[in-house]
Amino acid sequence: DVGQGDSTLIQYDGHNILIDAGENDQGNVVVDYLKSQGVDKLDLMIGSHPHSDHIGGMDTVLKAFDTETILMPELSKENTPTTKTYLEVLSAAEQQGKAITAAAPGQTFTYGQAKISILGPVQEYNDLNSNSVVAKFSYGDTSFLFGGDMEAQAEQDLLESGANVKSTVLKLSHHGSNTSNSQDFLDAVQAN
């Protein structure tokens, strides 16, 4: 629980995947939670998009845990933020000697019989919310879809790209906001 923000831990067969890390003041909360769950390193950390309620605690987490892969959306120079929060994440990654990998549709990260597939963003938007990384975690017949704060137009573009969004569980985008989670998208995901 990171309050008004997002952070999700996925654990499978000794692997640890973290999607977002809450606001700036939630970094230590996330670190403590990860430790309580037996995390000693992260295989993958996804910063869905550079708003503080998603990446604010990432720098604290990066300083506390060795992280194999850090994934964030690729942004144009015009869209790249200069906020202190974003710069702190870049600095923490650099201190760990890790480059940030640009998310791209078609990337797959496999952990035993589980995998994370990157479905989006399928294009660049002027709005950082719609530039959110869209990730689908799959294990057998069960899947979870994470869309950060992607908004309705990005959802429509994702559907038009032919991405397989059908998932068992949908983590509602943009905190359940009415700017996201369009009926067409919900119908395509078919979460139960």
C-alpha atoms as a PDB file:
ATOM      1  CA  ASP A   1       0.000   0.000   0.000  1.00  0.00           C
ATOM      2  CA  VAL A   2       1.695   3.181  -1.225  1.00  0.00           C
ATOM      3  CA  GLY A   3      -1.318   5.462  -0.860  1.00  0.00           C
ATOM      4  CA  GLN A   4      -2.091   7.586  -3.919  1.00  0.00           C
ATOM      5  CA  GLY A   5       0.384   5.899  -6.217  1.00  0.00           C
ATOM      6  CA  ASP A   6       1.281   2.552  -7.722  1.00  0.00           C
ATOM      7  CA  SER A   7       3.636  -0.263  -6.793  1.00  0.00           C
ATOM      8  CA  THR A   8       3.255  -3.960  -7.564  1.00  0.00           C
ATOM      9  CA  LEU A   9       5.576  -6.830  -6.657  1.00  0.00           C
ATOM     10  CA  ILE A  10       5.446 -10.024  -8.697  1.00  0.00           C
ATOM     11  CA  GLN A  11       7.276 -13.035  -7.262  1.00  0.00           C
ATOM     12  CA  TYR A  12       7.692 -16.291  -9.134  1.00  0.00           C
ATOM     13  CA  ASP A  13      10.079 -19.181  -8.520  1.00  0.00           C
ATOM     14  CA  GLY A  14      12.701 -17.035  -6.792  1.00  0.00           C
ATOM     15  CA  HIS A  15      12.355 -14.146  -9.249  1.00  0.00           C
ATOM     16  CA  ASN A  16      11.280 -10.652  -8.202  1.00  0.00           C
ATOM     17  CA  ILE A  17       9.700  -8.105 -10.518  1.00  0.00           C
ATOM     18  CA  LEU A  18       8.692  -4.642  -9.323  1.00  0.00           C
ATOM     19  CA  ILE A  19       6.376  -2.402 -11.299  1.00  0.00           C
ATOM     20  CA  ASP A  20       6.556   1.177  -9.988  1.00  0.00           C
ATOM     21  CA  ALA A  21       7.487   2.277  -6.472  1.00  0.00           C
ATOM     22  CA  GLY A  22       4.989   4.890  -5.320  1.00  0.00           C
ATOM     23  CA  GLU A  23       5.585   8.547  -4.437  1.00  0.00           C
ATOM     24  CA  ASN A  24       8.867  10.004  -3.196  1.00  0.00           C
ATOM     25  CA  ASP A  25       7.860   9.527   0.434  1.00  0.00           C
ATOM     26  CA  GLN A  26       7.028   5.844  -0.138  1.00  0.00           C
ATOM     27  CA  GLY A  27      10.483   4.569  -1.115  1.00  0.00           C
ATOM     28  CA  ASN A  28      11.304   3.237   2.346  1.00  0.00           C
ATOM     29  CA  VAL A  29       7.819   1.708   2.651  1.00  0.00           C
ATOM     30  CA  VAL A  30       8.448  -0.211  -0.587  1.00  0.00           C
ATOM     31  CA  VAL A  31      11.950  -1.260   0.511  1.00  0.00           C
ATOM     32  CA  ASP A  32      10.634  -2.527   3.860  1.00  0.00           C
ATOM     33  CA  TYR A  33       7.847  -4.439   2.131  1.00  0.00           C
ATOM     34  CA  LEU A  34      10.241  -6.024  -0.347  1.00  0.00           C
ATOM     35  CA  LYS A  35      12.524  -7.133   2.489  1.00  0.00           C
ATOM     36  CA  SER A  36       9.538  -8.571   4.385  1.00  0.00           C
ATOM     37  CA  GLN A  37       8.775 -10.650   1.284  1.00  0.00           C
ATOM     38  CA  GLY A  38      12.309 -12.058   1.188  1.00  0.00           C
ATOM     39  CA  VAL A  39      13.502  -9.956  -1.727  1.00  0.00           C
ATOM     40  CA  ASP A  40      17.283  -9.593  -1.868  1.00  0.00           C
ATOM     41  CA  LYS A  41      17.549  -8.575  -5.535  1.00  0.00           C
ATOM     42  CA  LEU A  42      15.237  -7.516  -8.350  1.00  0.00           C
ATOM     43  CA  ASP A  43      15.294  -9.260 -11.696  1.00  0.00           C
ATOM     44  CA  LEU A  44      13.246  -6.519 -13.354  1.00  0.00           C
ATOM     45  CA  MET A  45      12.058  -3.088 -12.298  1.00  0.00           C
ATOM     46  CA  ILE A  46       9.578  -1.291 -14.522  1.00  0.00           C
ATOM     47  CA  GLY A  47       8.998   2.433 -14.111  1.00  0.00           C
ATOM     48  CA  SER A  48       5.745   2.694 -16.031  1.00  0.00           C
ATOM     49  CA  HIS A  49       6.154   6.418 -16.736  1.00  0.00           C
ATOM     50  CA  PRO A  50       7.954   9.350 -15.118  1.00  0.00           C
ATOM     51  CA  HIS A  51       5.279  10.740 -12.820  1.00  0.00           C
ATOM     52  CA  SER A  52       6.242  10.874  -9.161  1.00  0.00           C
ATOM     53  CA  ASP A  53       3.342   8.710  -7.948  1.00  0.00           C
ATOM     54  CA  HIS A  54       4.851   5.852  -9.968  1.00  0.00           C
ATOM     55  CA  ILE A  55       8.623   6.417  -9.894  1.00  0.00           C
ATOM     56  CA  GLY A  56       9.045   8.561  -6.781  1.00  0.00           C
ATOM     57  CA  GLY A  57      10.346   5.687  -4.656  1.00  0.00           C
ATOM     58  CA  MET A  58      12.416   4.040  -7.394  1.00  0.00           C
ATOM     59  CA  ASP A  59      15.656   5.759  -6.458  1.00  0.00           C
ATOM     60  CA  THR A  60      15.376   4.478  -2.876  1.00  0.00           C
ATOM     61  CA  VAL A  61      14.613   0.964  -4.108  1.00  0.00           C
ATOM     62  CA  LEU A  62      17.514   1.038  -6.581  1.00  0.00           C
ATOM     63  CA  LYS A  63      19.893   2.052  -3.805  1.00  0.00           C
ATOM     64  CA  ALA A  64      18.659  -0.840  -1.617  1.00  0.00           C
ATOM     65  CA  PHE A  65      18.582  -3.727  -4.140  1.00  0.00           C
ATOM     66  CA  ASP A  66      20.765  -4.927  -6.965  1.00  0.00           C
ATOM     67  CA  THR A  67      18.527  -4.746 -10.025  1.00  0.00           C
ATOM     68  CA  GLU A  68      19.268  -6.726 -13.163  1.00  0.00           C
ATOM     69  CA  THR A  69      17.096  -4.780 -15.643  1.00  0.00           C
ATOM     70  CA  ILE A  70      15.503  -1.341 -15.319  1.00  0.00           C
ATOM     71  CA  LEU A  71      12.816  -0.682 -17.917  1.00  0.00           C
ATOM     72  CA  MET A  72      11.146   2.653 -18.646  1.00  0.00           C
ATOM     73  CA  PRO A  73       9.419   4.210 -21.662  1.00  0.00           C
ATOM     74  CA  GLU A  74      11.580   5.838 -24.307  1.00  0.00           C
ATOM     75  CA  LEU A  75      10.755   9.524 -24.535  1.00  0.00           C
ATOM     76  CA  SER A  76      11.635  12.217 -27.039  1.00  0.00           C
ATOM     77  CA  LYS A  77      13.823  15.083 -25.887  1.00  0.00           C
ATOM     78  CA  GLU A  78      10.727  17.297 -25.777  1.00  0.00           C
ATOM     79  CA  ASN A  79       8.867  14.839 -23.517  1.00  0.00           C
ATOM     80  CA  THR A  80      11.762  13.936 -21.215  1.00  0.00           C
ATOM     81  CA  PRO A  81      11.082  15.431 -17.792  1.00  0.00           C
ATOM     82  CA  THR A  82      13.634  17.442 -15.871  1.00  0.00           C
ATOM     83  CA  THR A  83      11.952  16.926 -12.506  1.00  0.00           C
ATOM     84  CA  LYS A  84      14.055  16.195  -9.457  1.00  0.00           C
ATOM     85  CA  THR A  85      12.233  12.863  -9.079  1.00  0.00           C
ATOM     86  CA  TYR A  86      13.105  11.698 -12.593  1.00  0.00           C
ATOM     87  CA  LEU A  87      16.715  12.862 -12.298  1.00  0.00           C
ATOM     88  CA  GLU A  88      17.073  11.011  -8.956  1.00  0.00           C
ATOM     89  CA  VAL A  89      15.988   7.763 -10.635  1.00  0.00           C
ATOM     90  CA  LEU A  90      18.522   8.269 -13.426  1.00  0.00           C
ATOM     91  CA  SER A  91      21.227   9.024 -10.875  1.00  0.00           C
ATOM     92  CA  ALA A  92      20.399   5.942  -8.762  1.00  0.00           C
ATOM     93  CA  ALA A  93      20.555   3.735 -11.851  1.00  0.00           C
ATOM     94  CA  GLU A  94      23.900   5.254 -12.816  1.00  0.00           C
ATOM     95  CA  GLN A  95      25.262   4.712  -9.294  1.00  0.00           C
ATOM     96  CA  GLN A  96      24.325   1.043  -9.636  1.00  0.00           C
ATOM     97  CA  GLY A  97      26.117   0.940 -12.985  1.00  0.00           C
ATOM     98  CA  LYS A  98      22.906   0.098 -14.825  1.00  0.00           C
ATOM     99  CA  ALA A  99      21.636   1.523 -18.060  1.00  0.00           C
ATOM    100  CA  ILE A 100      17.904   2.062 -18.323  1.00  0.00           C
ATOM    101  CA  THR A 101      16.420  -0.126 -21.047  1.00  0.00           C
ATOM    102  CA  ALA A 102      13.839   1.554 -23.282  1.00  0.00           C
ATOM    103  CA  ALA A 103      10.553  -0.354 -23.313  1.00  0.00           C
ATOM    104  CA  ALA A 104       9.429  -1.482 -26.758  1.00  0.00           C
ATOM    105  CA  PRO A 105       6.530  -3.636 -27.920  1.00  0.00           C
ATOM    106  CA  GLY A 106       7.705  -7.188 -28.553  1.00  0.00           C
ATOM    107  CA  GLN A 107      10.241  -7.347 -25.725  1.00  0.00           C
ATOM    108  CA  THR A 108       9.885 -10.458 -23.593  1.00  0.00           C
ATOM    109  CA  PHE A 109      11.509 -11.229 -20.273  1.00  0.00           C
ATOM    110  CA  THR A 110      11.337 -14.909 -19.299  1.00  0.00           C
ATOM    111  CA  TYR A 111      11.627 -16.267 -15.767  1.00  0.00           C
ATOM    112  CA  GLY A 112      11.289 -20.038 -15.815  1.00  0.00           C
ATOM    113  CA  GLN A 113       7.783 -20.776 -17.094  1.00  0.00           C
ATOM    114  CA  ALA A 114       6.595 -17.212 -16.509  1.00  0.00           C
ATOM    115  CA  LYS A 115       7.160 -14.235 -18.755  1.00  0.00           C
ATOM    116  CA  ILE A 116       6.559 -10.533 -19.033  1.00  0.00           C
ATOM    117  CA  SER A 117       5.679  -9.266 -22.488  1.00  0.00           C
ATOM    118  CA  ILE A 118       5.899  -5.572 -23.300  1.00  0.00           C
ATOM    119  CA  LEU A 119       2.886  -4.539 -25.388  1.00  0.00           C
ATOM    120  CA  GLY A 120       3.235  -0.771 -25.384  1.00  0.00           C
ATOM    121  CA  PRO A 121       3.355   2.097 -25.708  1.00  0.00           C
ATOM    122  CA  VAL A 122       2.872   1.541 -29.437  1.00  0.00           C
ATOM    123  CA  GLN A 123       3.728   5.146 -30.291  1.00  0.00           C
ATOM    124  CA  GLU A 124       4.914   8.294 -28.550  1.00  0.00           C
ATOM    125  CA  TYR A 125       2.368  10.663 -27.086  1.00  0.00           C
ATOM    126  CA  ASN A 126       2.674  14.242 -25.836  1.00  0.00           C
ATOM    127  CA  ASP A 127       1.024  13.074 -22.620  1.00  0.00           C
ATOM    128  CA  LEU A 128       3.316  11.133 -20.246  1.00  0.00           C
ATOM    129  CA  ASN A 129       0.383   9.045 -18.974  1.00  0.00           C
ATOM    130  CA  SER A 130      -0.234   7.570 -22.402  1.00  0.00           C
ATOM    131  CA  ASN A 131       3.491   6.845 -22.780  1.00  0.00           C
ATOM    132  CA  SER A 132       3.161   4.319 -19.944  1.00  0.00           C
ATOM    133  CA  VAL A 133       4.787   0.921 -20.339  1.00  0.00           C
ATOM    134  CA  VAL A 134       2.126  -1.737 -20.919  1.00  0.00           C
ATOM    135  CA  ALA A 135       3.267  -5.075 -19.515  1.00  0.00           C
ATOM    136  CA  LYS A 136       1.569  -8.460 -19.456  1.00  0.00           C
ATOM    137  CA  PHE A 137       2.732 -11.077 -16.953  1.00  0.00           C
ATOM    138  CA  SER A 138       1.790 -14.616 -17.986  1.00  0.00           C
ATOM    139  CA  TYR A 139       2.086 -17.957 -16.268  1.00  0.00           C
ATOM    140  CA  GLY A 140       0.231 -20.893 -17.799  1.00  0.00           C
ATOM    141  CA  ASP A 141      -3.384 -19.849 -18.382  1.00  0.00           C
ATOM    142  CA  THR A 142      -3.182 -16.924 -15.954  1.00  0.00           C
ATOM    143  CA  SER A 143      -2.144 -13.418 -16.955  1.00  0.00           C
ATOM    144  CA  PHE A 144      -2.064  -9.941 -15.458  1.00  0.00           C
ATOM    145  CA  LEU A 145      -2.138  -6.753 -17.543  1.00  0.00           C
ATOM    146  CA  PHE A 146      -0.493  -3.561 -16.247  1.00  0.00           C
ATOM    147  CA  GLY A 147      -0.962  -0.304 -18.169  1.00  0.00           C
ATOM    148  CA  GLY A 148       0.401   2.361 -15.838  1.00  0.00           C
ATOM    149  CA  ASP A 149      -1.620   5.518 -16.468  1.00  0.00           C
ATOM    150  CA  MET A 150      -2.313   4.921 -20.166  1.00  0.00           C
ATOM    151  CA  GLU A 151      -5.376   6.830 -21.300  1.00  0.00           C
ATOM    152  CA  ALA A 152      -8.187   5.978 -23.722  1.00  0.00           C
ATOM    153  CA  GLN A 153      -6.398   6.992 -26.963  1.00  0.00           C
ATOM    154  CA  ALA A 154      -3.363   4.868 -26.081  1.00  0.00           C
ATOM    155  CA  GLU A 155      -5.708   1.978 -25.268  1.00  0.00           C
ATOM    156  CA  GLN A 156      -7.346   2.331 -28.688  1.00  0.00           C
ATOM    157  CA  ASP A 157      -3.977   2.481 -30.448  1.00  0.00           C
ATOM    158  CA  LEU A 158      -2.860  -0.618 -28.536  1.00  0.00           C
ATOM    159  CA  LEU A 159      -5.967  -2.504 -29.661  1.00  0.00           C
ATOM    160  CA  GLU A 160      -5.457  -1.371 -33.272  1.00  0.00           C
ATOM    161  CA  SER A 161      -1.852  -2.635 -33.130  1.00  0.00           C
ATOM    162  CA  GLY A 162      -3.183  -6.162 -32.699  1.00  0.00           C
ATOM    163  CA  ALA A 163      -1.600  -6.643 -29.262  1.00  0.00           C
ATOM    164  CA  ASN A 164      -3.013  -9.572 -27.316  1.00  0.00           C
ATOM    165  CA  VAL A 165      -4.419  -7.750 -24.285  1.00  0.00           C
ATOM    166  CA  LYS A 166      -6.737 -10.559 -23.160  1.00  0.00           C
ATOM    167  CA  SER A 167      -5.847 -11.210 -19.511  1.00  0.00           C
ATOM    168  CA  THR A 168      -7.198 -12.904 -16.434  1.00  0.00           C
ATOM    169  CA  VAL A 169      -6.604  -9.811 -14.290  1.00  0.00           C
ATOM    170  CA  LEU A 170      -6.485  -6.152 -15.321  1.00  0.00           C
ATOM    171  CA  LYS A 171      -4.785  -3.640 -13.057  1.00  0.00           C
ATOM    172  CA  LEU A 172      -6.939  -0.651 -13.947  1.00  0.00           C
ATOM    173  CA  SER A 173      -5.031   2.124 -15.662  1.00  0.00           C
ATOM    174  CA  HIS A 174      -4.667   5.607 -14.206  1.00  0.00           C
ATOM    175  CA  HIS A 175      -5.948   4.501 -10.792  1.00  0.00           C
ATOM    176  CA  GLY A 176      -9.338   3.604 -12.272  1.00  0.00           C
ATOM    177  CA  SER A 177      -9.807   7.079 -13.753  1.00  0.00           C
ATOM    178  CA  ASN A 178     -12.537   7.766 -16.304  1.00  0.00           C
ATOM    179  CA  THR A 179      -9.833   9.004 -18.727  1.00  0.00           C
ATOM    180  CA  SER A 180      -8.796   5.343 -19.061  1.00  0.00           C
ATOM    181  CA  ASN A 181     -10.378   1.894 -19.047  1.00  0.00           C
ATOM    182  CA  SER A 182     -12.657   2.533 -22.023  1.00  0.00           C
ATOM    183  CA  GLN A 183     -15.413   0.010 -22.636  1.00  0.00           C
ATOM    184  CA  ASP A 184     -13.741  -1.210 -25.855  1.00  0.00           C
ATOM    185  CA  PHE A 185     -10.550  -1.867 -23.931  1.00  0.00           C
ATOM    186  CA  LEU A 186     -12.312  -3.615 -21.059  1.00  0.00           C
ATOM    187  CA  ASP A 187     -14.199  -5.779 -23.574  1.00  0.00           C
ATOM    188  CA  ALA A 188     -10.939  -6.751 -25.283  1.00  0.00           C
ATOM    189  CA  VAL A 189      -9.134  -7.608 -22.047  1.00  0.00           C
ATOM    190  CA  GLN A 190     -12.005  -9.820 -20.838  1.00  0.00           C
ATOM    191  CA  ALA A 191     -10.656  -9.899 -17.291  1.00  0.00           C
ATOM    192  CA  ASN A 192     -12.548 -12.187 -14.989  1.00  0.00           C
END
